[in-house]
Amino acid sequence: VKNYSVLGLHWGLYNTKDPAAVRACHDELTELAARGAVKPLISDRVAM
């Protein structure tokens, strides 16, 4: 009725179904990190 889509995402499947896409994504993430567009939010660094 509302004309929307429900999309499932199991990222782990790409490792076996399309590993080249995983590597391409990593290249994109590396570029984004290099220019400061993404930077993981680390709230705590703890000892072993």
All heavy atoms as atom14 arrays in JSON, in Angstrom:
{
  "sequence": "VKNYSVLGLHWGLYNTKDPAAVRACHDELTELAARGAVKPLISDRVAM",
  "atom14_mask": [
    [1, 1, 1, 1, 1, 1, 1, 0, 0, 0, 0, 0, 0, 0],
    [1, 1, 1, 1, 1, 1, 1, 1, 1, 0, 0, 0, 0, 0],
    [1, 1, 1, 1, 1, 1, 1, 1, 0, 0, 0, 0, 0, 0],
    [1, 1, 1, 1, 1, 1, 1, 1, 1, 1, 1, 1, 0, 0],
    [1, 1, 1, 1, 1, 1, 0, 0, 0, 0, 0, 0, 0, 0],
    [1, 1, 1, 1, 1, 1, 1, 0, 0, 0, 0, 0, 0, 0],
    [1, 1, 1, 1, 1, 1, 1, 1, 0, 0, 0, 0, 0, 0],
    [1, 1, 1, 1, 0, 0, 0, 0, 0, 0, 0, 0, 0, 0],
    [1, 1, 1, 1, 1, 1, 1, 1, 0, 0, 0, 0, 0, 0],
    [1, 1, 1, 1, 1, 1, 1, 1, 1, 1, 0, 0, 0, 0],
    [1, 1, 1, 1, 1, 1, 1, 1, 1, 1, 1, 1, 1, 1],
    [1, 1, 1, 1, 0, 0, 0, 0, 0, 0, 0, 0, 0, 0],
    [1, 1, 1, 1, 1, 1, 1, 1, 0, 0, 0, 0, 0, 0],
    [1, 1, 1, 1, 1, 1, 1, 1, 1, 1, 1, 1, 0, 0],
    [1, 1, 1, 1, 1, 1, 1, 1, 0, 0, 0, 0, 0, 0],
    [1, 1, 1, 1, 1, 1, 1, 0, 0, 0, 0, 0, 0, 0],
    [1, 1, 1, 1, 1, 1, 1, 1, 1, 0, 0, 0, 0, 0],
    [1, 1, 1, 1, 1, 1, 1, 1, 0, 0, 0, 0, 0, 0],
    [1, 1, 1, 1, 1, 1, 1, 0, 0, 0, 0, 0, 0, 0],
    [1, 1, 1, 1, 1, 0, 0, 0, 0, 0, 0, 0, 0, 0],
    [1, 1, 1, 1, 1, 0, 0, 0, 0, 0, 0, 0, 0, 0],
    [1, 1, 1, 1, 1, 1, 1, 0, 0, 0, 0, 0, 0, 0],
    [1, 1, 1, 1, 1, 1, 1, 1, 1, 1, 1, 0, 0, 0],
    [1, 1, 1, 1, 1, 0, 0, 0, 0, 0, 0, 0, 0, 0],
    [1, 1, 1, 1, 1, 1, 0, 0, 0, 0, 0, 0, 0, 0],
    [1, 1, 1, 1, 1, 1, 1, 1, 1, 1, 0, 0, 0, 0],
    [1, 1, 1, 1, 1, 1, 1, 1, 0, 0, 0, 0, 0, 0],
    [1, 1, 1, 1, 1, 1, 1, 1, 1, 0, 0, 0, 0, 0],
    [1, 1, 1, 1, 1, 1, 1, 1, 0, 0, 0, 0, 0, 0],
    [1, 1, 1, 1, 1, 1, 1, 0, 0, 0, 0, 0, 0, 0],
    [1, 1, 1, 1, 1, 1, 1, 1, 1, 0, 0, 0, 0, 0],
    [1, 1, 1, 1, 1, 1, 1, 1, 0, 0, 0, 0, 0, 0],
    [1, 1, 1, 1, 1, 0, 0, 0, 0, 0, 0, 0, 0, 0],
    [1, 1, 1, 1, 1, 0, 0, 0, 0, 0, 0, 0, 0, 0],
    [1, 1, 1, 1, 1, 1, 1, 1, 1, 1, 1, 0, 0, 0],
    [1, 1, 1, 1, 0, 0, 0, 0, 0, 0, 0, 0, 0, 0],
    [1, 1, 1, 1, 1, 0, 0, 0, 0, 0, 0, 0, 0, 0],
    [1, 1, 1, 1, 1, 1, 1, 0, 0, 0, 0, 0, 0, 0],
    [1, 1, 1, 1, 1, 1, 1, 1, 1, 0, 0, 0, 0, 0],
    [1, 1, 1, 1, 1, 1, 1, 0, 0, 0, 0, 0, 0, 0],
    [1, 1, 1, 1, 1, 1, 1, 1, 0, 0, 0, 0, 0, 0],
    [1, 1, 1, 1, 1, 1, 1, 1, 0, 0, 0, 0, 0, 0],
    [1, 1, 1, 1, 1, 1, 0, 0, 0, 0, 0, 0, 0, 0],
    [1, 1, 1, 1, 1, 1, 1, 1, 0, 0, 0, 0, 0, 0],
    [1, 1, 1, 1, 1, 1, 1, 1, 1, 1, 1, 0, 0, 0],
    [1, 1, 1, 1, 1, 1, 1, 0, 0, 0, 0, 0, 0, 0],
    [1, 1, 1, 1, 1, 0, 0, 0, 0, 0, 0, 0, 0, 0],
    [1, 1, 1, 1, 1, 1, 1, 1, 0, 0, 0, 0, 0, 0]
  ],
  "atom14_positions": [
    [[0.82, -1.22, 0.0], [0.0, 0.0, 0.0], [0.85, 1.26, 0.0], [0.54, 2.24, -0.68], [-0.96, -0.01, 1.21], [-1.66, 1.34, 1.35], [-1.99, -1.11, 1.07], [0.0, 0.0, 0.0], [0.0, 0.0, 0.0], [0.0, 0.0, 0.0], [0.0, 0.0, 0.0], [0.0, 0.0, 0.0], [0.0, 0.0, 0.0], [0.0, 0.0, 0.0]],
    [[1.98, 1.23, 0.76], [2.82, 2.42, 0.87], [3.95, 2.45, -0.16], [4.68, 3.44, -0.27], [3.41, 2.54, 2.28], [2.36, 2.84, 3.35], [3.0, 3.3, 4.65], [3.65, 4.66, 4.53], [4.17, 5.17, 5.81], [0.0, 0.0, 0.0], [0.0, 0.0, 0.0], [0.0, 0.0, 0.0], [0.0, 0.0, 0.0], [0.0, 0.0, 0.0]],
    [[4.11, 1.36, -0.9], [5.08, 1.31, -1.99], [6.52, 1.52, -1.51], [7.25, 2.37, -2.01], [4.74, 2.37, -3.05], [5.14, 1.91, -4.45], [4.85, 0.78, -4.84], [5.81, 2.78, -5.19], [0.0, 0.0, 0.0], [0.0, 0.0, 0.0], [0.0, 0.0, 0.0], [0.0, 0.0, 0.0], [0.0, 0.0, 0.0], [0.0, 0.0, 0.0]],
    [[6.93, 0.71, -0.52], [8.32, 0.74, -0.07], [8.91, -0.66, -0.15], [8.2, -1.65, -0.31], [8.43, 1.31, 1.35], [7.74, 0.5, 2.44], [8.37, -0.58, 3.06], [6.46, 0.86, 2.87], [7.75, -1.3, 4.07], [5.83, 0.14, 3.88], [6.48, -0.93, 4.48], [5.86, -1.63, 5.48], [0.0, 0.0, 0.0], [0.0, 0.0, 0.0]],
    [[10.22, -0.73, -0.03], [10.94, -2.01, -0.14], [11.59, -2.37, 1.19], [12.09, -1.49, 1.9], [12.04, -1.92, -1.21], [11.5, -1.58, -2.47], [0.0, 0.0, 0.0], [0.0, 0.0, 0.0], [0.0, 0.0, 0.0], [0.0, 0.0, 0.0], [0.0, 0.0, 0.0], [0.0, 0.0, 0.0], [0.0, 0.0, 0.0], [0.0, 0.0, 0.0]],
    [[11.6, -3.64, 1.5], [12.33, -4.16, 2.66], [13.5, -4.98, 2.13], [13.31, -5.97, 1.42], [11.42, -5.04, 3.55], [12.21, -5.56, 4.75], [10.2, -4.26, 4.01], [0.0, 0.0, 0.0], [0.0, 0.0, 0.0], [0.0, 0.0, 0.0], [0.0, 0.0, 0.0], [0.0, 0.0, 0.0], [0.0, 0.0, 0.0], [0.0, 0.0, 0.0]],
    [[14.72, -4.55, 2.46], [15.93, -5.14, 1.9], [16.74, -5.81, 3.0], [17.12, -5.17, 3.98], [16.78, -4.06, 1.22], [16.08, -3.2, 0.17], [16.97, -2.02, -0.22], [15.75, -4.05, -1.06], [0.0, 0.0, 0.0], [0.0, 0.0, 0.0], [0.0, 0.0, 0.0], [0.0, 0.0, 0.0], [0.0, 0.0, 0.0], [0.0, 0.0, 0.0]],
    [[17.02, -7.07, 2.84], [17.88, -7.76, 3.79], [19.35, -7.56, 3.43], [19.7, -7.4, 2.27], [0.0, 0.0, 0.0], [0.0, 0.0, 0.0], [0.0, 0.0, 0.0], [0.0, 0.0, 0.0], [0.0, 0.0, 0.0], [0.0, 0.0, 0.0], [0.0, 0.0, 0.0], [0.0, 0.0, 0.0], [0.0, 0.0, 0.0], [0.0, 0.0, 0.0]],
    [[20.2, -7.53, 4.46], [21.63, -7.39, 4.21], [22.4, -8.35, 5.11], [22.41, -8.19, 6.33], [22.11, -5.96, 4.48], [23.63, -5.79, 4.35], [24.08, -6.06, 2.92], [24.07, -4.41, 4.8], [0.0, 0.0, 0.0], [0.0, 0.0, 0.0], [0.0, 0.0, 0.0], [0.0, 0.0, 0.0], [0.0, 0.0, 0.0], [0.0, 0.0, 0.0]],
    [[23.02, -9.34, 4.51], [23.95, -10.24, 5.19], [25.29, -10.03, 4.53], [25.61, -10.67, 3.53], [23.46, -11.69, 5.06], [24.36, -12.68, 5.73], [24.22, -14.04, 5.58], [25.44, -12.52, 6.56], [25.16, -14.67, 6.27], [25.92, -13.76, 6.85], [0.0, 0.0, 0.0], [0.0, 0.0, 0.0], [0.0, 0.0, 0.0], [0.0, 0.0, 0.0]],
    [[26.09, -9.13, 5.11], [27.34, -8.75, 4.45], [28.27, -9.94, 4.25], [28.96, -10.05, 3.23], [28.06, -7.67, 5.26], [29.44, -7.43, 4.75], [29.79, -6.74, 3.62], [30.67, -7.93, 5.29], [31.16, -6.77, 3.44], [31.71, -7.49, 4.46], [30.98, -8.68, 6.43], [33.05, -7.79, 4.72], [32.31, -8.99, 6.68], [33.33, -8.55, 5.82]],
    [[28.29, -10.86, 5.2], [29.2, -11.99, 5.11], [29.07, -12.79, 3.82], [30.04, -13.39, 3.34], [0.0, 0.0, 0.0], [0.0, 0.0, 0.0], [0.0, 0.0, 0.0], [0.0, 0.0, 0.0], [0.0, 0.0, 0.0], [0.0, 0.0, 0.0], [0.0, 0.0, 0.0], [0.0, 0.0, 0.0], [0.0, 0.0, 0.0], [0.0, 0.0, 0.0]],
    [[27.88, -12.79, 3.23], [27.68, -13.53, 1.98], [28.53, -13.0, 0.84], [28.91, -13.75, -0.07], [26.2, -13.48, 1.57], [25.22, -14.35, 2.36], [23.81, -14.13, 1.86], [25.6, -15.83, 2.26], [0.0, 0.0, 0.0], [0.0, 0.0, 0.0], [0.0, 0.0, 0.0], [0.0, 0.0, 0.0], [0.0, 0.0, 0.0], [0.0, 0.0, 0.0]],
    [[28.84, -11.7, 0.87], [29.64, -11.13, -0.22], [31.05, -11.71, -0.24], [31.7, -11.74, -1.28], [29.69, -9.61, -0.1], [28.37, -8.95, -0.44], [27.5, -8.53, 0.56], [27.98, -8.75, -1.76], [26.28, -7.94, 0.26], [26.77, -8.16, -2.07], [25.93, -7.76, -1.05], [24.72, -7.17, -1.36], [0.0, 0.0, 0.0], [0.0, 0.0, 0.0]],
    [[31.53, -12.17, 0.93], [32.86, -12.76, 0.98], [32.95, -14.01, 0.11], [34.02, -14.33, -0.43], [33.23, -13.11, 2.43], [33.63, -11.87, 3.21], [34.44, -11.08, 2.77], [33.02, -11.7, 4.37], [0.0, 0.0, 0.0], [0.0, 0.0, 0.0], [0.0, 0.0, 0.0], [0.0, 0.0, 0.0], [0.0, 0.0, 0.0], [0.0, 0.0, 0.0]],
    [[31.84, -14.73, -0.01], [31.84, -15.95, -0.85], [31.18, -15.72, -2.2], [31.6, -16.3, -3.2], [31.11, -17.09, -0.12], [29.8, -16.66, 0.27], [31.86, -17.49, 1.15], [0.0, 0.0, 0.0], [0.0, 0.0, 0.0], [0.0, 0.0, 0.0], [0.0, 0.0, 0.0], [0.0, 0.0, 0.0], [0.0, 0.0, 0.0], [0.0, 0.0, 0.0]],
    [[30.16, -14.88, -2.25], [29.42, -14.67, -3.5], [30.07, -13.64, -4.42], [29.96, -13.75, -5.65], [27.98, -14.22, -3.17], [27.17, -15.19, -2.33], [26.82, -16.44, -3.09], [25.86, -17.31, -2.28], [25.53, -18.57, -2.99], [0.0, 0.0, 0.0], [0.0, 0.0, 0.0], [0.0, 0.0, 0.0], [0.0, 0.0, 0.0], [0.0, 0.0, 0.0]],
    [[30.74, -12.64, -3.83], [31.31, -11.58, -4.66], [32.49, -10.94, -3.93], [32.45, -9.76, -3.55], [30.24, -10.52, -4.97], [30.66, -9.56, -6.08], [31.83, -9.64, -6.52], [29.83, -8.74, -6.49], [0.0, 0.0, 0.0], [0.0, 0.0, 0.0], [0.0, 0.0, 0.0], [0.0, 0.0, 0.0], [0.0, 0.0, 0.0], [0.0, 0.0, 0.0]],
    [[33.58, -11.69, -3.71], [34.72, -11.14, -2.97], [35.35, -9.93, -3.64], [35.92, -9.07, -2.96], [35.69, -12.33, -2.89], [35.26, -13.27, -3.97], [33.79, -13.1, -4.1], [0.0, 0.0, 0.0], [0.0, 0.0, 0.0], [0.0, 0.0, 0.0], [0.0, 0.0, 0.0], [0.0, 0.0, 0.0], [0.0, 0.0, 0.0], [0.0, 0.0, 0.0]],
    [[35.24, -9.83, -4.95], [35.8, -8.67, -5.63], [35.1, -7.39, -5.18], [35.73, -6.33, -5.08], [35.68, -8.84, -7.14], [0.0, 0.0, 0.0], [0.0, 0.0, 0.0], [0.0, 0.0, 0.0], [0.0, 0.0, 0.0], [0.0, 0.0, 0.0], [0.0, 0.0, 0.0], [0.0, 0.0, 0.0], [0.0, 0.0, 0.0], [0.0, 0.0, 0.0]],
    [[33.79, -7.48, -4.9], [33.05, -6.32, -4.43], [33.51, -5.9, -3.04], [33.52, -4.7, -2.7], [31.55, -6.62, -4.43], [0.0, 0.0, 0.0], [0.0, 0.0, 0.0], [0.0, 0.0, 0.0], [0.0, 0.0, 0.0], [0.0, 0.0, 0.0], [0.0, 0.0, 0.0], [0.0, 0.0, 0.0], [0.0, 0.0, 0.0], [0.0, 0.0, 0.0]],
    [[33.88, -6.88, -2.21], [34.39, -6.57, -0.87], [35.69, -5.78, -0.96], [35.9, -4.78, -0.26], [34.59, -7.86, -0.05], [35.28, -7.56, 1.29], [33.25, -8.53, 0.21], [0.0, 0.0, 0.0], [0.0, 0.0, 0.0], [0.0, 0.0, 0.0], [0.0, 0.0, 0.0], [0.0, 0.0, 0.0], [0.0, 0.0, 0.0], [0.0, 0.0, 0.0]],
    [[36.57, -6.2, -1.86], [37.84, -5.5, -2.03], [37.64, -4.1, -2.62], [38.31, -3.15, -2.23], [38.78, -6.32, -2.9], [39.28, -7.58, -2.2], [40.39, -8.28, -2.96], [41.01, -9.29, -2.1], [42.0, -9.05, -1.26], [42.5, -7.82, -1.18], [42.52, -9.99, -0.51], [0.0, 0.0, 0.0], [0.0, 0.0, 0.0], [0.0, 0.0, 0.0]],
    [[36.71, -3.99, -3.56], [36.41, -2.67, -4.13], [35.85, -1.74, -3.07], [36.18, -0.55, -3.03], [35.44, -2.82, -5.3], [0.0, 0.0, 0.0], [0.0, 0.0, 0.0], [0.0, 0.0, 0.0], [0.0, 0.0, 0.0], [0.0, 0.0, 0.0], [0.0, 0.0, 0.0], [0.0, 0.0, 0.0], [0.0, 0.0, 0.0], [0.0, 0.0, 0.0]],
    [[35.0, -2.29, -2.22], [34.45, -1.49, -1.11], [35.57, -1.04, -0.18], [35.59, 0.12, 0.27], [33.41, -2.31, -0.36], [32.78, -1.51, 1.14], [0.0, 0.0, 0.0], [0.0, 0.0, 0.0], [0.0, 0.0, 0.0], [0.0, 0.0, 0.0], [0.0, 0.0, 0.0], [0.0, 0.0, 0.0], [0.0, 0.0, 0.0], [0.0, 0.0, 0.0]],
    [[36.51, -1.93, 0.12], [37.62, -1.57, 1.01], [38.45, -0.44, 0.4], [38.89, 0.47, 1.11], [38.49, -2.78, 1.28], [39.65, -2.49, 2.2], [39.48, -2.16, 3.53], [40.99, -2.44, 1.96], [40.65, -1.94, 4.08], [41.58, -2.1, 3.16], [0.0, 0.0, 0.0], [0.0, 0.0, 0.0], [0.0, 0.0, 0.0], [0.0, 0.0, 0.0]],
    [[38.65, -0.49, -0.89], [39.38, 0.59, -1.57], [38.64, 1.92, -1.39], [39.27, 2.97, -1.14], [39.53, 0.28, -3.05], [40.48, -0.89, -3.31], [41.25, -1.24, -2.4], [40.42, -1.45, -4.42], [0.0, 0.0, 0.0], [0.0, 0.0, 0.0], [0.0, 0.0, 0.0], [0.0, 0.0, 0.0], [0.0, 0.0, 0.0], [0.0, 0.0, 0.0]],
    [[37.33, 1.88, -1.53], [36.53, 3.1, -1.34], [36.62, 3.59, 0.09], [36.77, 4.79, 0.35], [35.08, 2.8, -1.73], [34.11, 3.93, -1.44], [34.28, 5.14, -2.34], [34.98, 5.02, -3.37], [33.71, 6.2, -2.01], [0.0, 0.0, 0.0], [0.0, 0.0, 0.0], [0.0, 0.0, 0.0], [0.0, 0.0, 0.0], [0.0, 0.0, 0.0]],
    [[36.52, 2.68, 1.06], [36.6, 3.06, 2.47], [37.97, 3.63, 2.81], [38.09, 4.59, 3.58], [36.29, 1.86, 3.36], [34.86, 1.33, 3.3], [34.74, 0.05, 4.14], [33.87, 2.37, 3.8], [0.0, 0.0, 0.0], [0.0, 0.0, 0.0], [0.0, 0.0, 0.0], [0.0, 0.0, 0.0], [0.0, 0.0, 0.0], [0.0, 0.0, 0.0]],
    [[39.01, 3.04, 2.23], [40.37, 3.53, 2.47], [40.52, 4.95, 1.95], [41.14, 5.81, 2.61], [41.4, 2.61, 1.78], [41.3, 1.3, 2.35], [42.82, 3.12, 1.96], [0.0, 0.0, 0.0], [0.0, 0.0, 0.0], [0.0, 0.0, 0.0], [0.0, 0.0, 0.0], [0.0, 0.0, 0.0], [0.0, 0.0, 0.0], [0.0, 0.0, 0.0]],
    [[39.94, 5.22, 0.79], [39.99, 6.58, 0.23], [39.2, 7.56, 1.1], [39.65, 8.69, 1.36], [39.43, 6.58, -1.19], [39.47, 7.94, -1.86], [38.88, 7.93, -3.26], [38.78, 6.84, -3.86], [38.5, 9.02, -3.74], [0.0, 0.0, 0.0], [0.0, 0.0, 0.0], [0.0, 0.0, 0.0], [0.0, 0.0, 0.0], [0.0, 0.0, 0.0]],
    [[38.03, 7.14, 1.57], [37.23, 8.0, 2.44], [37.97, 8.3, 3.74], [37.93, 9.42, 4.26], [35.88, 7.33, 2.74], [34.89, 7.26, 1.59], [33.69, 6.39, 1.98], [34.41, 8.65, 1.18], [0.0, 0.0, 0.0], [0.0, 0.0, 0.0], [0.0, 0.0, 0.0], [0.0, 0.0, 0.0], [0.0, 0.0, 0.0], [0.0, 0.0, 0.0]],
    [[38.66, 7.29, 4.28], [39.43, 7.5, 5.51], [40.6, 8.44, 5.27], [40.92, 9.29, 6.11], [39.93, 6.15, 6.04], [0.0, 0.0, 0.0], [0.0, 0.0, 0.0], [0.0, 0.0, 0.0], [0.0, 0.0, 0.0], [0.0, 0.0, 0.0], [0.0, 0.0, 0.0], [0.0, 0.0, 0.0], [0.0, 0.0, 0.0], [0.0, 0.0, 0.0]],
    [[41.24, 8.33, 4.11], [42.39, 9.16, 3.79], [42.03, 10.63, 3.72], [42.84, 11.49, 4.1], [43.02, 8.7, 2.47], [0.0, 0.0, 0.0], [0.0, 0.0, 0.0], [0.0, 0.0, 0.0], [0.0, 0.0, 0.0], [0.0, 0.0, 0.0], [0.0, 0.0, 0.0], [0.0, 0.0, 0.0], [0.0, 0.0, 0.0], [0.0, 0.0, 0.0]],
    [[40.81, 10.92, 3.25], [40.4, 12.32, 3.19], [39.55, 12.76, 4.37], [39.0, 13.86, 4.37], [39.71, 12.64, 1.87], [38.5, 11.83, 1.52], [38.03, 12.19, 0.11], [36.96, 11.37, -0.39], [35.66, 11.68, -0.28], [35.3, 12.79, 0.33], [34.74, 10.88, -0.79], [0.0, 0.0, 0.0], [0.0, 0.0, 0.0], [0.0, 0.0, 0.0]],
    [[39.46, 11.9, 5.39], [38.79, 12.27, 6.63], [37.28, 12.22, 6.59], [36.62, 12.71, 7.5], [0.0, 0.0, 0.0], [0.0, 0.0, 0.0], [0.0, 0.0, 0.0], [0.0, 0.0, 0.0], [0.0, 0.0, 0.0], [0.0, 0.0, 0.0], [0.0, 0.0, 0.0], [0.0, 0.0, 0.0], [0.0, 0.0, 0.0], [0.0, 0.0, 0.0]],
    [[36.72, 11.64, 5.54], [35.26, 11.57, 5.44], [34.67, 10.53, 6.39], [33.52, 10.65, 6.8], [34.85, 11.26, 3.99], [0.0, 0.0, 0.0], [0.0, 0.0, 0.0], [0.0, 0.0, 0.0], [0.0, 0.0, 0.0], [0.0, 0.0, 0.0], [0.0, 0.0, 0.0], [0.0, 0.0, 0.0], [0.0, 0.0, 0.0], [0.0, 0.0, 0.0]],
    [[35.45, 9.5, 6.69], [35.04, 8.53, 7.71], [36.2, 8.31, 8.66], [37.37, 8.35, 8.26], [34.59, 7.17, 7.11], [33.44, 7.36, 6.14], [35.74, 6.44, 6.46], [0.0, 0.0, 0.0], [0.0, 0.0, 0.0], [0.0, 0.0, 0.0], [0.0, 0.0, 0.0], [0.0, 0.0, 0.0], [0.0, 0.0, 0.0], [0.0, 0.0, 0.0]],
    [[35.87, 8.08, 9.92], [36.85, 7.8, 10.96], [36.13, 7.05, 12.07], [35.26, 7.62, 12.74], [37.48, 9.08, 11.51], [38.63, 8.86, 12.48], [39.17, 10.2, 12.94], [40.32, 10.05, 13.93], [41.53, 9.48, 13.3], [0.0, 0.0, 0.0], [0.0, 0.0, 0.0], [0.0, 0.0, 0.0], [0.0, 0.0, 0.0], [0.0, 0.0, 0.0]],
    [[36.42, 5.77, 12.25], [35.71, 4.99, 13.26], [35.72, 5.65, 14.63], [36.77, 6.14, 15.08], [36.47, 3.66, 13.27], [36.98, 3.53, 11.87], [37.36, 4.93, 11.46], [0.0, 0.0, 0.0], [0.0, 0.0, 0.0], [0.0, 0.0, 0.0], [0.0, 0.0, 0.0], [0.0, 0.0, 0.0], [0.0, 0.0, 0.0], [0.0, 0.0, 0.0]],
    [[34.55, 5.68, 15.24], [34.39, 6.27, 16.57], [34.81, 5.24, 17.61], [34.1, 4.26, 17.86], [32.93, 6.67, 16.78], [32.54, 7.14, 18.17], [33.29, 8.42, 18.54], [31.03, 7.38, 18.26], [0.0, 0.0, 0.0], [0.0, 0.0, 0.0], [0.0, 0.0, 0.0], [0.0, 0.0, 0.0], [0.0, 0.0, 0.0], [0.0, 0.0, 0.0]],
    [[35.98, 5.43, 18.21], [36.48, 4.53, 19.23], [36.19, 5.15, 20.59], [36.8, 6.14, 20.99], [37.99, 4.27, 19.08], [38.33, 3.85, 17.65], [38.45, 3.23, 20.1], [37.65, 2.59, 17.19], [0.0, 0.0, 0.0], [0.0, 0.0, 0.0], [0.0, 0.0, 0.0], [0.0, 0.0, 0.0], [0.0, 0.0, 0.0], [0.0, 0.0, 0.0]],
    [[35.24, 4.57, 21.31], [34.86, 5.13, 22.61], [35.78, 4.68, 23.72], [35.93, 5.36, 24.73], [33.42, 4.74, 22.95], [33.29, 3.34, 23.05], [0.0, 0.0, 0.0], [0.0, 0.0, 0.0], [0.0, 0.0, 0.0], [0.0, 0.0, 0.0], [0.0, 0.0, 0.0], [0.0, 0.0, 0.0], [0.0, 0.0, 0.0], [0.0, 0.0, 0.0]],
    [[36.42, 3.51, 23.54], [37.27, 2.98, 24.61], [38.28, 2.0, 24.02], [37.94, 1.21, 23.14], [36.42, 2.28, 25.67], [37.07, 2.31, 27.05], [38.23, 2.75, 27.15], [36.41, 1.88, 28.02], [0.0, 0.0, 0.0], [0.0, 0.0, 0.0], [0.0, 0.0, 0.0], [0.0, 0.0, 0.0], [0.0, 0.0, 0.0], [0.0, 0.0, 0.0]],
    [[39.49, 2.08, 24.5], [40.55, 1.13, 24.14], [40.93, 0.42, 25.42], [41.41, 1.06, 26.37], [41.76, 1.86, 23.53], [41.41, 2.67, 22.29], [42.53, 3.65, 21.93], [42.12, 4.55, 20.86], [42.69, 4.61, 19.67], [43.72, 3.85, 19.38], [42.24, 5.45, 18.74], [0.0, 0.0, 0.0], [0.0, 0.0, 0.0], [0.0, 0.0, 0.0]],
    [[40.71, -0.89, 25.47], [40.87, -1.61, 26.72], [41.98, -2.65, 26.6], [42.29, -3.13, 25.51], [39.56, -2.29, 27.17], [38.44, -1.27, 27.27], [39.16, -3.41, 26.23], [0.0, 0.0, 0.0], [0.0, 0.0, 0.0], [0.0, 0.0, 0.0], [0.0, 0.0, 0.0], [0.0, 0.0, 0.0], [0.0, 0.0, 0.0], [0.0, 0.0, 0.0]],
    [[42.56, -2.98, 27.74], [43.59, -4.0, 27.79], [42.98, -5.39, 27.61], [41.77, -5.58, 27.79], [44.33, -3.92, 29.12], [0.0, 0.0, 0.0], [0.0, 0.0, 0.0], [0.0, 0.0, 0.0], [0.0, 0.0, 0.0], [0.0, 0.0, 0.0], [0.0, 0.0, 0.0], [0.0, 0.0, 0.0], [0.0, 0.0, 0.0], [0.0, 0.0, 0.0]],
    [[43.82, -6.34, 27.29], [43.37, -7.72, 27.09], [42.56, -8.22, 28.29], [41.55, -8.91, 28.12], [44.6, -8.59, 26.88], [44.29, -10.04, 26.56], [43.65, -10.26, 24.89], [44.22, -11.92, 24.57], [0.0, 0.0, 0.0], [0.0, 0.0, 0.0], [0.0, 0.0, 0.0], [0.0, 0.0, 0.0], [0.0, 0.0, 0.0], [0.0, 0.0, 0.0]]
  ]
}
